[in-house]
Amino acid sequence: MKRLTLIRHAKSDWNSDATTDLERPLNSRGEKAAPLMGQRLATCGWKADRLISSPAERALKTANLIARQLNYPEKKIATDQKIYAAGLHSLIDVIHALDNADEHIVLFGHNPGFSELGQWLNPAAPDQLPTCAVLTFELPVKGWGEITGGCATILNYDFPKLSVSG
């Protein structure tokens, strides 16, 4: 069994001075939401073998802020250009190429591709992942290349505005 977690980047700053989409940073809401989601995951004892992010500033910053809460070394976060602005088929290719030694991989990226991928893995997945959403699947496979549409079970779905009972 493998586990795959999709994390959409936190809220970005459309009013920044960034000259390209890749450089667009998080806004203050995003800077607060990512550590919050990391804390929620840490509270559940959540562990991952590998974190891989789009190289976009907003995705990589989200990955760094969540990694800190999970005590995952930020310098070990990999980036993959193929995740940036990827559609469903490109993301499937990324997953099929993952290292089979890793049991739980986390990808940090963007909509609409992440929402499309979630729906492909399990049609009950949300239509649109909100910013900083965390969606974890269990996959009944031994190798990442074996993943097919509809094969996944949703283990966890959370996002910053989801109420937490206390």
Protein backbone atom coordinates (compact mmCIF):
# COMPACT_ATOMS: atom_id res chain seq x y z
CA MET A 1 0.00 0.00 0.00
CA LYS A 2 1.16 3.49 -0.86
CA ARG A 3 -0.06 6.84 0.40
CA LEU A 4 -0.20 10.00 -1.66
CA THR A 5 -0.99 13.41 -0.24
CA LEU A 6 -1.86 16.39 -2.41
CA ILE A 7 -1.45 19.80 -0.79
CA ARG A 8 -2.55 22.82 -2.75
CA HIS A 9 -0.42 25.89 -2.07
CA ALA A 10 -1.69 28.36 0.54
CA LYS A 11 -3.34 31.66 -0.39
CA SER A 12 -1.09 33.74 -2.63
CA ASP A 13 -0.59 37.48 -2.97
CA TRP A 14 -1.99 38.70 -6.27
CA ASN A 15 -0.90 42.26 -5.39
CA SER A 16 2.78 41.46 -4.93
CA ASP A 17 5.59 42.94 -6.98
CA ALA A 18 6.38 39.52 -8.46
CA THR A 19 7.19 39.82 -12.13
CA THR A 20 6.21 36.23 -12.99
CA ASP A 21 3.62 33.74 -11.81
CA LEU A 22 6.42 31.50 -10.52
CA GLU A 23 7.57 34.29 -8.18
CA ARG A 24 4.15 35.09 -6.69
CA PRO A 25 4.45 34.75 -2.87
CA LEU A 26 1.98 33.81 -0.17
CA ASN A 27 -0.15 36.55 1.35
CA SER A 28 -0.50 36.98 5.12
CA ARG A 29 -3.47 34.59 5.24
CA GLY A 30 -1.40 31.95 3.44
CA GLU A 31 1.55 32.52 5.79
CA LYS A 32 -0.77 31.66 8.71
CA ALA A 33 -2.69 28.82 7.06
CA ALA A 34 0.29 26.65 6.10
CA PRO A 35 1.72 26.30 9.64
CA LEU A 36 -1.82 25.67 10.93
CA MET A 37 -2.23 22.77 8.53
CA GLY A 38 1.22 21.49 9.46
CA GLN A 39 0.24 21.57 13.14
CA ARG A 40 -2.96 19.64 12.43
CA LEU A 41 -0.99 16.99 10.57
CA ALA A 42 1.67 16.78 13.30
CA THR A 43 -1.05 16.36 15.95
CA CYS A 44 -2.22 13.24 14.09
CA GLY A 45 1.30 11.80 14.09
CA TRP A 46 1.49 12.28 10.32
CA LYS A 47 4.76 11.20 8.65
CA ALA A 48 5.92 11.31 5.04
CA ASP A 49 8.87 9.76 3.28
CA ARG A 50 9.29 12.51 0.69
CA LEU A 51 7.98 16.02 0.06
CA ILE A 52 8.04 17.25 -3.54
CA SER A 53 6.95 20.75 -4.53
CA SER A 54 6.27 22.75 -7.60
CA PRO A 55 9.09 25.31 -7.94
CA ALA A 56 6.57 28.16 -7.70
CA GLU A 57 7.38 30.41 -4.72
CA ARG A 58 3.90 30.00 -3.20
CA ALA A 59 4.02 26.19 -3.38
CA LEU A 60 7.57 25.90 -2.08
CA LYS A 61 6.86 28.30 0.80
CA THR A 62 3.77 26.25 1.71
CA ALA A 63 5.94 23.12 1.69
CA ASN A 64 8.57 24.76 3.90
CA LEU A 65 6.04 26.04 6.44
CA ILE A 66 4.33 22.66 6.71
CA ALA A 67 7.65 20.77 6.82
CA ARG A 68 8.75 22.82 9.86
CA GLN A 69 5.69 21.67 11.79
CA LEU A 70 6.40 18.05 10.86
CA ASN A 71 10.12 18.24 11.72
CA TYR A 72 10.86 17.35 8.10
CA PRO A 73 14.17 18.92 7.00
CA GLU A 74 13.37 21.78 4.62
CA LYS A 75 16.58 21.15 2.69
CA LYS A 76 15.22 17.68 1.78
CA ILE A 77 12.16 19.10 0.01
CA ALA A 78 12.55 18.31 -3.67
CA THR A 79 11.18 20.46 -6.47
CA ASP A 80 9.80 19.21 -9.75
CA GLN A 81 9.13 21.62 -12.60
CA LYS A 82 6.63 19.11 -14.03
CA ILE A 83 4.22 19.84 -11.13
CA TYR A 84 3.98 23.55 -11.99
CA ALA A 85 0.97 24.34 -14.20
CA ALA A 86 0.48 20.60 -14.74
CA GLY A 87 -2.69 19.05 -16.00
CA LEU A 88 -4.01 15.65 -15.03
CA HIS A 89 -1.91 13.58 -17.44
CA SER A 90 1.34 15.34 -16.52
CA LEU A 91 0.64 14.75 -12.82
CA ILE A 92 -0.09 11.08 -13.47
CA ASP A 93 3.29 10.87 -15.22
CA VAL A 94 4.95 12.49 -12.18
CA ILE A 95 3.35 9.92 -9.86
CA HIS A 96 4.19 6.94 -12.07
CA ALA A 97 7.86 8.01 -11.98
CA LEU A 98 8.10 8.23 -8.16
CA ASP A 99 10.60 6.08 -6.28
CA ASN A 100 8.96 2.83 -5.16
CA ALA A 101 11.09 2.86 -2.00
CA ASP A 102 8.89 5.71 -0.72
CA GLU A 103 5.61 4.63 0.87
CA HIS A 104 4.11 8.09 1.55
CA ILE A 105 4.79 10.97 -0.80
CA VAL A 106 3.45 14.50 -0.51
CA LEU A 107 3.10 16.73 -3.55
CA PHE A 108 2.68 20.51 -3.24
CA GLY A 109 1.11 22.19 -6.23
CA HIS A 110 -1.75 23.92 -7.93
CA ASN A 111 -5.29 23.82 -9.21
CA PRO A 112 -6.88 22.89 -11.49
CA GLY A 113 -4.45 19.98 -11.89
CA PHE A 114 -4.53 18.84 -8.25
CA SER A 115 -8.33 18.84 -8.12
CA GLU A 116 -8.46 16.91 -11.40
CA LEU A 117 -5.95 14.39 -10.06
CA GLY A 118 -7.92 13.96 -6.84
CA GLN A 119 -11.10 13.27 -8.81
CA TRP A 120 -9.24 10.83 -11.07
CA LEU A 121 -7.91 8.91 -8.06
CA ASN A 122 -11.31 8.83 -6.35
CA PRO A 123 -14.45 10.41 -7.87
CA ALA A 124 -15.67 11.25 -4.33
CA ALA A 125 -12.76 13.68 -3.90
CA PRO A 126 -13.67 17.39 -3.78
CA ASP A 127 -14.30 19.09 -7.13
CA GLN A 128 -12.13 22.07 -6.17
CA LEU A 129 -9.42 21.93 -3.54
CA PRO A 130 -9.33 25.19 -1.58
CA THR A 131 -6.01 26.85 -0.87
CA CYS A 132 -3.84 24.91 1.57
CA ALA A 133 -6.11 21.86 1.35
CA VAL A 134 -4.63 18.51 2.34
CA LEU A 135 -6.01 15.43 0.60
CA THR A 136 -4.50 12.03 1.44
CA PHE A 137 -5.17 8.82 -0.45
CA GLU A 138 -4.36 5.20 0.24
CA LEU A 139 -3.43 3.32 -2.91
CA PRO A 140 -3.66 -0.49 -3.14
CA VAL A 141 -0.41 -0.84 -5.08
CA LYS A 142 3.18 -1.87 -4.48
CA GLY A 143 4.63 0.46 -7.09
CA TRP A 144 3.72 4.02 -8.06
CA GLY A 145 3.52 3.02 -11.71
CA GLU A 146 0.56 0.73 -10.93
CA ILE A 147 -1.80 3.57 -9.98
CA THR A 148 -4.96 3.75 -12.07
CA GLY A 149 -8.01 5.97 -12.07
CA GLY A 150 -10.52 5.26 -9.31
CA CYS A 151 -8.14 3.02 -7.35
CA ALA A 152 -7.68 5.22 -4.27
CA THR A 153 -9.38 5.46 -0.90
CA ILE A 154 -9.58 8.91 0.71
CA LEU A 155 -7.93 8.79 4.14
CA ASN A 156 -8.01 12.46 5.05
CA TYR A 157 -9.32 15.74 3.71
CA ASP A 158 -8.69 18.98 5.58
CA PHE A 159 -8.31 22.67 4.82
CA PRO A 160 -7.80 25.79 6.94
CA LYS A 161 -11.44 26.90 7.08
CA LEU A 162 -12.71 23.46 8.06
CA SER A 163 -14.02 23.65 11.63
CA VAL A 164 -12.05 21.77 14.21
CA SER A 165 -14.14 20.61 17.14
CA GLY A 166 -12.54 21.04 20.48
